[in-house]
Amino acid sequence: MTTQAPRSDIGYDLLMKIQAGTMAYTYRGLPLLKNPFDLAIYSLLLQRAKPRTLVEVGSHMGGSAVWFADQAGRLGLGTEVLSIDLEVPAAEANASVRFLRGDARELGEVLPPSVLGALPRPLMVVEDSSHQAGTTAAVLDFFDPWLRPGEYIVIEDGIISDMRVADLYDGGPLRAIDEFLAKGAGRYEVDRGLCDYFGRNVTWNVDGYLRRL
């Protein structure tokens, strides 16, 4: 097992207690699978970025897609949420949500250039699929040519490194983030104001709030 220095101020024992609550938490009767810190941070990000389109890669049962749409609706943003997964959830969605069947490693099949080019901007992307390093890398590489300055791609669950299970995911999201930023020649920045809002990487999206420069 690879030993990595913790990146979050949350100690391991407390982290795992918060994770237990996160996995049990529901929204409108659906598993939400988001912790209190990121629910607050995402609310700030929606107010700041004002996305007209939010693409979520990884739907699970649809709870987070519905939550994003509800929050954006309360802010009057007119955001459409496109949520992509191998299986389309049976959730009764907010009218602003569309669930699409697709593979995170083959996003061009569900989001061809004709579709991506027509999406209302600003665009915000949330990558929350398998957490395998290769899958996260594929999502980053797919959206990279399309993201414009000021737009965000959020990589979820880099916290699995602090949970000491990243080896089960070939290094997990943090490996993909680190490699992507290393080859990106300063085209993206980690938004430290979001990642460190409650303390150093007190977020499940460790070093994962990425802003296109």
C-alpha atoms as a PDB file:
ATOM      1  CA  MET A   1       0.000   0.000   0.000  1.00  0.00           C
ATOM      2  CA  THR A   2       1.254   3.464  -0.930  1.00  0.00           C
ATOM      3  CA  THR A   3       1.564   5.873   1.999  1.00  0.00           C
ATOM      4  CA  GLN A   4       0.625   9.458   1.197  1.00  0.00           C
ATOM      5  CA  ALA A   5       0.830  12.475   3.468  1.00  0.00           C
ATOM      6  CA  PRO A   6      -2.667  13.655   4.465  1.00  0.00           C
ATOM      7  CA  ARG A   7      -3.860  16.679   2.494  1.00  0.00           C
ATOM      8  CA  SER A   8      -6.862  17.514   4.656  1.00  0.00           C
ATOM      9  CA  ASP A   9      -6.916  19.044   8.121  1.00  0.00           C
ATOM     10  CA  ILE A  10      -9.595  16.509   9.071  1.00  0.00           C
ATOM     11  CA  GLY A  11      -7.988  13.706  11.059  1.00  0.00           C
ATOM     12  CA  TYR A  12      -8.641  10.145   9.997  1.00  0.00           C
ATOM     13  CA  ASP A  13     -10.925   9.120  12.868  1.00  0.00           C
ATOM     14  CA  LEU A  14     -13.168  12.178  12.551  1.00  0.00           C
ATOM     15  CA  LEU A  15     -13.083  11.898   8.771  1.00  0.00           C
ATOM     16  CA  MET A  16     -14.507   8.391   8.858  1.00  0.00           C
ATOM     17  CA  LYS A  17     -17.266   9.441  11.279  1.00  0.00           C
ATOM     18  CA  ILE A  18     -18.294  12.270   8.951  1.00  0.00           C
ATOM     19  CA  GLN A  19     -18.179   9.834   6.034  1.00  0.00           C
ATOM     20  CA  ALA A  20     -20.642   7.536   7.776  1.00  0.00           C
ATOM     21  CA  GLY A  21     -23.122  10.390   8.078  1.00  0.00           C
ATOM     22  CA  THR A  22     -22.450  11.508   4.506  1.00  0.00           C
ATOM     23  CA  MET A  23     -23.289   8.065   3.129  1.00  0.00           C
ATOM     24  CA  ALA A  24     -26.546   7.973   5.117  1.00  0.00           C
ATOM     25  CA  TYR A  25     -27.740  11.490   4.236  1.00  0.00           C
ATOM     26  CA  THR A  26     -30.709  11.915   1.881  1.00  0.00           C
ATOM     27  CA  TYR A  27     -32.324  14.785   0.003  1.00  0.00           C
ATOM     28  CA  ARG A  28     -35.940  14.591  -1.169  1.00  0.00           C
ATOM     29  CA  GLY A  29     -35.832  10.911  -0.353  1.00  0.00           C
ATOM     30  CA  LEU A  30     -32.739  10.246  -2.482  1.00  0.00           C
ATOM     31  CA  PRO A  31     -29.170   9.457  -1.365  1.00  0.00           C
ATOM     32  CA  LEU A  32     -27.218  12.688  -1.705  1.00  0.00           C
ATOM     33  CA  LEU A  33     -23.739  11.377  -0.827  1.00  0.00           C
ATOM     34  CA  LYS A  34     -22.349  14.831  -0.093  1.00  0.00           C
ATOM     35  CA  ASN A  35     -20.955  16.096   3.189  1.00  0.00           C
ATOM     36  CA  PRO A  36     -21.935  19.360   4.917  1.00  0.00           C
ATOM     37  CA  PHE A  37     -18.726  21.146   3.912  1.00  0.00           C
ATOM     38  CA  ASP A  38     -19.186  20.592   0.196  1.00  0.00           C
ATOM     39  CA  LEU A  39     -22.884  21.388   0.275  1.00  0.00           C
ATOM     40  CA  ALA A  40     -21.886  24.803   1.632  1.00  0.00           C
ATOM     41  CA  ILE A  41     -18.955  25.199  -0.786  1.00  0.00           C
ATOM     42  CA  TYR A  42     -21.050  24.235  -3.800  1.00  0.00           C
ATOM     43  CA  SER A  43     -23.638  26.827  -2.775  1.00  0.00           C
ATOM     44  CA  LEU A  44     -20.897  29.473  -2.813  1.00  0.00           C
ATOM     45  CA  LEU A  45     -19.589  28.224  -6.154  1.00  0.00           C
ATOM     46  CA  LEU A  46     -23.012  28.317  -7.791  1.00  0.00           C
ATOM     47  CA  GLN A  47     -23.436  31.934  -6.676  1.00  0.00           C
ATOM     48  CA  ARG A  48     -19.981  32.801  -8.010  1.00  0.00           C
ATOM     49  CA  ALA A  49     -19.865  30.853 -11.269  1.00  0.00           C
ATOM     50  CA  LYS A  50     -23.555  31.225 -12.215  1.00  0.00           C
ATOM     51  CA  PRO A  51     -23.520  28.232 -14.570  1.00  0.00           C
ATOM     52  CA  ARG A  52     -26.196  28.038 -17.241  1.00  0.00           C
ATOM     53  CA  THR A  53     -25.274  24.381 -17.766  1.00  0.00           C
ATOM     54  CA  LEU A  54     -23.991  21.949 -15.157  1.00  0.00           C
ATOM     55  CA  VAL A  55     -22.737  18.569 -16.377  1.00  0.00           C
ATOM     56  CA  GLU A  56     -22.496  15.914 -13.704  1.00  0.00           C
ATOM     57  CA  VAL A  57     -20.595  12.735 -14.542  1.00  0.00           C
ATOM     58  CA  GLY A  58     -21.894  10.059 -12.190  1.00  0.00           C
ATOM     59  CA  SER A  59     -25.580  10.170 -11.252  1.00  0.00           C
ATOM     60  CA  HIS A  60     -25.961   7.299  -8.763  1.00  0.00           C
ATOM     61  CA  MET A  61     -29.667   7.573  -7.825  1.00  0.00           C
ATOM     62  CA  GLY A  62     -30.018  11.188  -8.917  1.00  0.00           C
ATOM     63  CA  GLY A  63     -29.981  12.952  -5.557  1.00  0.00           C
ATOM     64  CA  SER A  64     -27.089  15.307  -6.240  1.00  0.00           C
ATOM     65  CA  ALA A  65     -28.384  16.270  -9.696  1.00  0.00           C
ATOM     66  CA  VAL A  66     -31.753  17.204  -8.181  1.00  0.00           C
ATOM     67  CA  TRP A  67     -29.999  19.109  -5.371  1.00  0.00           C
ATOM     68  CA  PHE A  68     -27.881  21.084  -7.862  1.00  0.00           C
ATOM     69  CA  ALA A  69     -30.959  21.974  -9.897  1.00  0.00           C
ATOM     70  CA  ASP A  70     -32.928  23.021  -6.826  1.00  0.00           C
ATOM     71  CA  GLN A  71     -30.104  25.203  -5.509  1.00  0.00           C
ATOM     72  CA  ALA A  72     -29.557  26.852  -8.890  1.00  0.00           C
ATOM     73  CA  GLY A  73     -33.296  27.416  -9.191  1.00  0.00           C
ATOM     74  CA  ARG A  74     -33.441  29.177  -5.835  1.00  0.00           C
ATOM     75  CA  LEU A  75     -30.651  31.462  -7.043  1.00  0.00           C
ATOM     76  CA  GLY A  76     -32.573  32.230 -10.232  1.00  0.00           C
ATOM     77  CA  LEU A  77     -29.743  30.991 -12.463  1.00  0.00           C
ATOM     78  CA  GLY A  78     -31.820  29.132 -15.050  1.00  0.00           C
ATOM     79  CA  THR A  79     -29.326  26.259 -14.922  1.00  0.00           C
ATOM     80  CA  GLU A  80     -29.926  23.001 -16.790  1.00  0.00           C
ATOM     81  CA  VAL A  81     -28.321  19.945 -15.195  1.00  0.00           C
ATOM     82  CA  LEU A  82     -27.173  17.112 -17.441  1.00  0.00           C
ATOM     83  CA  SER A  83     -26.331  14.045 -15.361  1.00  0.00           C
ATOM     84  CA  ILE A  84     -24.577  11.121 -17.048  1.00  0.00           C
ATOM     85  CA  ASP A  85     -24.186   7.540 -15.843  1.00  0.00           C
ATOM     86  CA  LEU A  86     -24.047   3.999 -17.159  1.00  0.00           C
ATOM     87  CA  GLU A  87     -27.555   3.492 -15.788  1.00  0.00           C
ATOM     88  CA  VAL A  88     -30.212   6.210 -15.832  1.00  0.00           C
ATOM     89  CA  PRO A  89     -31.706   6.598 -12.327  1.00  0.00           C
ATOM     90  CA  ALA A  90     -35.419   6.299 -11.754  1.00  0.00           C
ATOM     91  CA  ALA A  91     -35.531   9.533  -9.755  1.00  0.00           C
ATOM     92  CA  GLU A  92     -38.434  11.884 -10.301  1.00  0.00           C
ATOM     93  CA  ALA A  93     -36.223  14.728 -11.390  1.00  0.00           C
ATOM     94  CA  ASN A  94     -36.472  18.449 -11.086  1.00  0.00           C
ATOM     95  CA  ALA A  95     -37.701  19.759 -14.438  1.00  0.00           C
ATOM     96  CA  SER A  96     -34.242  21.285 -14.975  1.00  0.00           C
ATOM     97  CA  VAL A  97     -32.505  17.879 -14.835  1.00  0.00           C
ATOM     98  CA  ARG A  98     -31.871  15.510 -17.737  1.00  0.00           C
ATOM     99  CA  PHE A  99     -30.434  12.085 -17.012  1.00  0.00           C
ATOM    100  CA  LEU A 100     -28.404  10.638 -19.884  1.00  0.00           C
ATOM    101  CA  ARG A 101     -26.976   7.169 -20.358  1.00  0.00           C
ATOM    102  CA  GLY A 102     -23.242   7.282 -21.020  1.00  0.00           C
ATOM    103  CA  ASP A 103     -19.782   6.073 -20.045  1.00  0.00           C
ATOM    104  CA  ALA A 104     -17.427   8.478 -18.262  1.00  0.00           C
ATOM    105  CA  ARG A 105     -14.560   7.142 -20.382  1.00  0.00           C
ATOM    106  CA  GLU A 106     -16.500   7.599 -23.632  1.00  0.00           C
ATOM    107  CA  LEU A 107     -18.197  10.948 -23.128  1.00  0.00           C
ATOM    108  CA  GLY A 108     -17.960  11.840 -26.806  1.00  0.00           C
ATOM    109  CA  GLU A 109     -20.718   9.335 -27.485  1.00  0.00           C
ATOM    110  CA  VAL A 110     -23.242  11.179 -25.293  1.00  0.00           C
ATOM    111  CA  LEU A 111     -21.785  14.710 -25.636  1.00  0.00           C
ATOM    112  CA  PRO A 112     -20.662  15.066 -29.263  1.00  0.00           C
ATOM    113  CA  PRO A 113     -19.341  18.457 -30.444  1.00  0.00           C
ATOM    114  CA  SER A 114     -22.770  19.395 -31.816  1.00  0.00           C
ATOM    115  CA  VAL A 115     -24.228  19.064 -28.310  1.00  0.00           C
ATOM    116  CA  LEU A 116     -21.321  20.584 -26.370  1.00  0.00           C
ATOM    117  CA  GLY A 117     -21.065  23.530 -28.715  1.00  0.00           C
ATOM    118  CA  ALA A 118     -24.722  24.395 -28.184  1.00  0.00           C
ATOM    119  CA  LEU A 119     -24.763  24.272 -24.377  1.00  0.00           C
ATOM    120  CA  PRO A 120     -25.624  27.586 -22.699  1.00  0.00           C
ATOM    121  CA  ARG A 121     -22.601  29.029 -20.921  1.00  0.00           C
ATOM    122  CA  PRO A 122     -21.059  29.389 -18.385  1.00  0.00           C
ATOM    123  CA  LEU A 123     -20.440  25.659 -18.063  1.00  0.00           C
ATOM    124  CA  MET A 124     -19.649  23.856 -14.815  1.00  0.00           C
ATOM    125  CA  VAL A 125     -18.567  20.211 -14.692  1.00  0.00           C
ATOM    126  CA  VAL A 126     -18.714  17.879 -11.687  1.00  0.00           C
ATOM    127  CA  GLU A 127     -16.800  14.603 -12.040  1.00  0.00           C
ATOM    128  CA  ASP A 128     -18.218  12.084  -9.569  1.00  0.00           C
ATOM    129  CA  SER A 129     -18.058   8.745 -11.326  1.00  0.00           C
ATOM    130  CA  SER A 130     -15.925   5.704 -10.442  1.00  0.00           C
ATOM    131  CA  HIS A 131     -13.047   7.590  -8.709  1.00  0.00           C
ATOM    132  CA  GLN A 132     -10.578   5.464 -10.655  1.00  0.00           C
ATOM    133  CA  ALA A 133      -7.584   7.595 -11.654  1.00  0.00           C
ATOM    134  CA  GLY A 134      -7.993   6.633 -15.309  1.00  0.00           C
ATOM    135  CA  THR A 135     -11.671   7.563 -15.363  1.00  0.00           C
ATOM    136  CA  THR A 136     -11.052  10.941 -13.766  1.00  0.00           C
ATOM    137  CA  ALA A 137      -8.212  11.563 -16.225  1.00  0.00           C
ATOM    138  CA  ALA A 138     -10.516  10.722 -19.139  1.00  0.00           C
ATOM    139  CA  VAL A 139     -13.128  13.212 -17.912  1.00  0.00           C
ATOM    140  CA  LEU A 140     -10.527  15.958 -17.422  1.00  0.00           C
ATOM    141  CA  ASP A 141      -9.060  15.383 -20.877  1.00  0.00           C
ATOM    142  CA  PHE A 142     -12.498  15.335 -22.492  1.00  0.00           C
ATOM    143  CA  PHE A 143     -13.685  18.670 -21.101  1.00  0.00           C
ATOM    144  CA  ASP A 144     -10.320  20.448 -21.249  1.00  0.00           C
ATOM    145  CA  PRO A 145     -10.703  21.736 -24.847  1.00  0.00           C
ATOM    146  CA  TRP A 146     -14.210  22.994 -24.113  1.00  0.00           C
ATOM    147  CA  LEU A 147     -13.787  24.854 -20.838  1.00  0.00           C
ATOM    148  CA  ARG A 148     -13.454  28.619 -21.081  1.00  0.00           C
ATOM    149  CA  PRO A 149     -11.583  30.966 -18.726  1.00  0.00           C
ATOM    150  CA  GLY A 150     -13.417  31.322 -15.447  1.00  0.00           C
ATOM    151  CA  GLU A 151     -15.323  28.047 -15.772  1.00  0.00           C
ATOM    152  CA  TYR A 152     -14.940  25.247 -13.230  1.00  0.00           C
ATOM    153  CA  ILE A 153     -14.462  21.506 -13.304  1.00  0.00           C
ATOM    154  CA  VAL A 154     -14.837  19.939  -9.873  1.00  0.00           C
ATOM    155  CA  ILE A 155     -13.208  16.577  -9.206  1.00  0.00           C
ATOM    156  CA  GLU A 156     -14.988  14.818  -6.378  1.00  0.00           C
ATOM    157  CA  ASP A 157     -13.665  12.501  -3.697  1.00  0.00           C
ATOM    158  CA  GLY A 158      -9.938  13.048  -3.706  1.00  0.00           C
ATOM    159  CA  ILE A 159     -10.508  12.550   0.026  1.00  0.00           C
ATOM    160  CA  ILE A 160     -10.229   8.793  -0.553  1.00  0.00           C
ATOM    161  CA  SER A 161      -6.464   9.298  -0.303  1.00  0.00           C
ATOM    162  CA  ASP A 162      -6.890  10.572   3.270  1.00  0.00           C
ATOM    163  CA  MET A 163      -9.285   7.668   3.830  1.00  0.00           C
ATOM    164  CA  ARG A 164      -6.324   5.430   2.928  1.00  0.00           C
ATOM    165  CA  VAL A 165      -8.091   3.594   0.128  1.00  0.00           C
ATOM    166  CA  ALA A 166      -6.723   5.360  -2.967  1.00  0.00           C
ATOM    167  CA  ASP A 167      -4.696   2.282  -3.914  1.00  0.00           C
ATOM    168  CA  LEU A 168      -7.993   0.500  -4.567  1.00  0.00           C
ATOM    169  CA  TYR A 169      -8.661   3.127  -7.258  1.00  0.00           C
ATOM    170  CA  ASP A 170      -5.215   3.131  -8.919  1.00  0.00           C
ATOM    171  CA  GLY A 171      -4.309   6.292  -7.035  1.00  0.00           C
ATOM    172  CA  GLY A 172      -7.785   7.776  -7.264  1.00  0.00           C
ATOM    173  CA  PRO A 173      -8.828  11.293  -8.242  1.00  0.00           C
ATOM    174  CA  LEU A 174      -5.787  12.989  -6.693  1.00  0.00           C
ATOM    175  CA  ARG A 175      -3.416  11.092  -8.944  1.00  0.00           C
ATOM    176  CA  ALA A 176      -5.417  12.241 -11.971  1.00  0.00           C
ATOM    177  CA  ILE A 177      -5.562  15.843 -10.725  1.00  0.00           C
ATOM    178  CA  ASP A 178      -1.836  16.003 -10.018  1.00  0.00           C
ATOM    179  CA  GLU A 179      -0.930  14.566 -13.420  1.00  0.00           C
ATOM    180  CA  PHE A 180      -3.413  16.808 -15.228  1.00  0.00           C
ATOM    181  CA  LEU A 181      -2.145  19.981 -13.567  1.00  0.00           C
ATOM    182  CA  ALA A 182       1.465  18.975 -14.211  1.00  0.00           C
ATOM    183  CA  LYS A 183       0.867  18.792 -17.944  1.00  0.00           C
ATOM    184  CA  GLY A 184      -1.520  21.755 -18.053  1.00  0.00           C
ATOM    185  CA  ALA A 185       1.155  24.472 -18.229  1.00  0.00           C
ATOM    186  CA  GLY A 186      -0.657  26.775 -15.810  1.00  0.00           C
ATOM    187  CA  ARG A 187      -3.980  26.663 -17.647  1.00  0.00           C
ATOM    188  CA  TYR A 188      -5.866  25.726 -14.463  1.00  0.00           C
ATOM    189  CA  GLU A 189      -5.632  26.667 -10.824  1.00  0.00           C
ATOM    190  CA  VAL A 190      -6.820  24.928  -7.693  1.00  0.00           C
ATOM    191  CA  ASP A 191      -9.251  27.402  -6.137  1.00  0.00           C
ATOM    192  CA  ARG A 192      -7.776  27.496  -2.656  1.00  0.00           C
ATOM    193  CA  GLY A 193     -10.497  29.865  -1.479  1.00  0.00           C
ATOM    194  CA  LEU A 194     -12.984  27.038  -1.953  1.00  0.00           C
ATOM    195  CA  CYS A 195     -10.816  24.032  -1.062  1.00  0.00           C
ATOM    196  CA  ASP A 196      -9.577  25.712   2.126  1.00  0.00           C
ATOM    197  CA  TYR A 197     -12.754  27.615   3.066  1.00  0.00           C
ATOM    198  CA  PHE A 198     -13.221  25.646   6.321  1.00  0.00           C
ATOM    199  CA  GLY A 199      -9.528  24.747   6.757  1.00  0.00           C
ATOM    200  CA  ARG A 200      -6.906  23.130   4.559  1.00  0.00           C
ATOM    201  CA  ASN A 201      -8.828  20.837   2.220  1.00  0.00           C
ATOM    202  CA  VAL A 202     -11.754  20.468   4.608  1.00  0.00           C
ATOM    203  CA  THR A 203     -13.703  19.097   1.665  1.00  0.00           C
ATOM    204  CA  TRP A 204     -14.179  15.696   0.079  1.00  0.00           C
ATOM    205  CA  ASN A 205     -13.057  17.334  -3.191  1.00  0.00           C
ATOM    206  CA  VAL A 206      -9.452  17.636  -2.073  1.00  0.00           C
ATOM    207  CA  ASP A 207      -7.548  19.996  -4.418  1.00  0.00           C
ATOM    208  CA  GLY A 208     -10.508  19.375  -6.698  1.00  0.00           C
ATOM    209  CA  TYR A 209     -12.123  22.768  -7.314  1.00  0.00           C
ATOM    210  CA  LEU A 210     -10.344  23.577 -10.564  1.00  0.00           C
ATOM    211  CA  ARG A 211     -10.785  26.883 -12.365  1.00  0.00           C
ATOM    212  CA  ARG A 212      -9.841  27.381 -15.983  1.00  0.00           C
ATOM    213  CA  LEU A 213      -7.523  30.389 -16.382  1.00  0.00           C
END
